[in-house]
C-alpha atoms as a PDB file:
ATOM      1  CA  UNK A   1     -27.766  16.615  -5.718  1.00  0.00           C
ATOM      2  CA  UNK A   2     -27.552  16.219  -9.491  1.00  0.00           C
ATOM      3  CA  UNK A   3     -24.451  14.554 -10.970  1.00  0.00           C
ATOM      4  CA  UNK A   4     -24.063  14.739 -14.755  1.00  0.00           C
ATOM      5  CA  UNK A   5     -27.726  15.841 -15.000  1.00  0.00           C
ATOM      6  CA  UNK A   6     -28.897  12.673 -13.198  1.00  0.00           C
ATOM      7  CA  UNK A   7     -30.142  11.952  -9.710  1.00  0.00           C
ATOM      8  CA  UNK A   8     -30.253   8.144  -9.946  1.00  0.00           C
ATOM      9  CA  UNK A   9     -27.748   5.652 -11.298  1.00  0.00           C
ATOM     10  CA  UNK A  10     -28.157   1.918 -11.881  1.00  0.00           C
ATOM     11  CA  UNK A  11     -24.965  -0.060 -12.310  1.00  0.00           C
ATOM     12  CA  UNK A  12     -22.714  -2.771 -10.949  1.00  0.00           C
ATOM     13  CA  UNK A  13     -20.665  -1.961  -7.864  1.00  0.00           C
ATOM     14  CA  UNK A  14     -16.980  -2.295  -8.744  1.00  0.00           C
ATOM     15  CA  UNK A  15     -15.301  -0.918  -5.628  1.00  0.00           C
ATOM     16  CA  UNK A  16     -15.703   1.380  -2.679  1.00  0.00           C
ATOM     17  CA  UNK A  17     -13.454   2.970  -0.108  1.00  0.00           C
ATOM     18  CA  UNK A  18     -13.732   5.566   2.626  1.00  0.00           C
ATOM     19  CA  UNK A  19     -14.465   8.454   0.225  1.00  0.00           C
ATOM     20  CA  UNK A  20     -15.669   7.050  -3.108  1.00  0.00           C
ATOM     21  CA  UNK A  21     -17.893   4.462  -4.756  1.00  0.00           C
ATOM     22  CA  UNK A  22     -17.096   3.109  -8.228  1.00  0.00           C
ATOM     23  CA  UNK A  23     -19.911   1.681 -10.326  1.00  0.00           C
ATOM     24  CA  UNK A  24     -19.992   0.375 -13.876  1.00  0.00           C
ATOM     25  CA  UNK A  25     -22.790   1.815 -16.005  1.00  0.00           C
ATOM     26  CA  UNK A  26     -23.190   0.442 -19.545  1.00  0.00           C
ATOM     27  CA  UNK A  27     -19.522  -0.578 -19.733  1.00  0.00           C
ATOM     28  CA  UNK A  28     -18.185   2.716 -18.357  1.00  0.00           C
ATOM     29  CA  UNK A  29     -16.850   3.115 -14.825  1.00  0.00           C
ATOM     30  CA  UNK A  30     -18.079   6.103 -12.837  1.00  0.00           C
ATOM     31  CA  UNK A  31     -16.493   7.242  -9.580  1.00  0.00           C
ATOM     32  CA  UNK A  32     -18.861   9.013  -7.186  1.00  0.00           C
ATOM     33  CA  UNK A  33     -17.899  10.868  -4.025  1.00  0.00           C
ATOM     34  CA  UNK A  34     -19.719   9.519  -0.965  1.00  0.00           C
ATOM     35  CA  UNK A  35     -20.341  13.104   0.151  1.00  0.00           C
ATOM     36  CA  UNK A  36     -22.551  13.560  -2.944  1.00  0.00           C
ATOM     37  CA  UNK A  37     -24.612  10.402  -2.307  1.00  0.00           C
ATOM     38  CA  UNK A  38     -27.672  10.335  -0.063  1.00  0.00           C
ATOM     39  CA  UNK A  39     -28.657   6.672  -0.465  1.00  0.00           C
ATOM     40  CA  UNK A  40     -27.361   3.473  -2.067  1.00  0.00           C
ATOM     41  CA  UNK A  41     -29.777   0.602  -2.682  1.00  0.00           C
ATOM     42  CA  UNK A  42     -29.011  -2.997  -3.548  1.00  0.00           C
ATOM     43  CA  UNK A  43     -30.736  -4.258  -6.691  1.00  0.00           C
ATOM     44  CA  UNK A  44     -30.712  -7.838  -7.934  1.00  0.00           C
ATOM     45  CA  UNK A  45     -30.187  -8.595 -11.627  1.00  0.00           C
ATOM     46  CA  UNK A  46     -31.657 -11.948 -12.650  1.00  0.00           C
END
């Protein structure tokens, strides 16, 4: 499902709870509903 015209987001995980995930993308926090997310992958930033 598209969110803000995007299907993929890359950012830093800030918090999560039972219903939402908060990530920081380019200095801006974005709250995503877990019901809208199919998959979350861990990425390492060196």
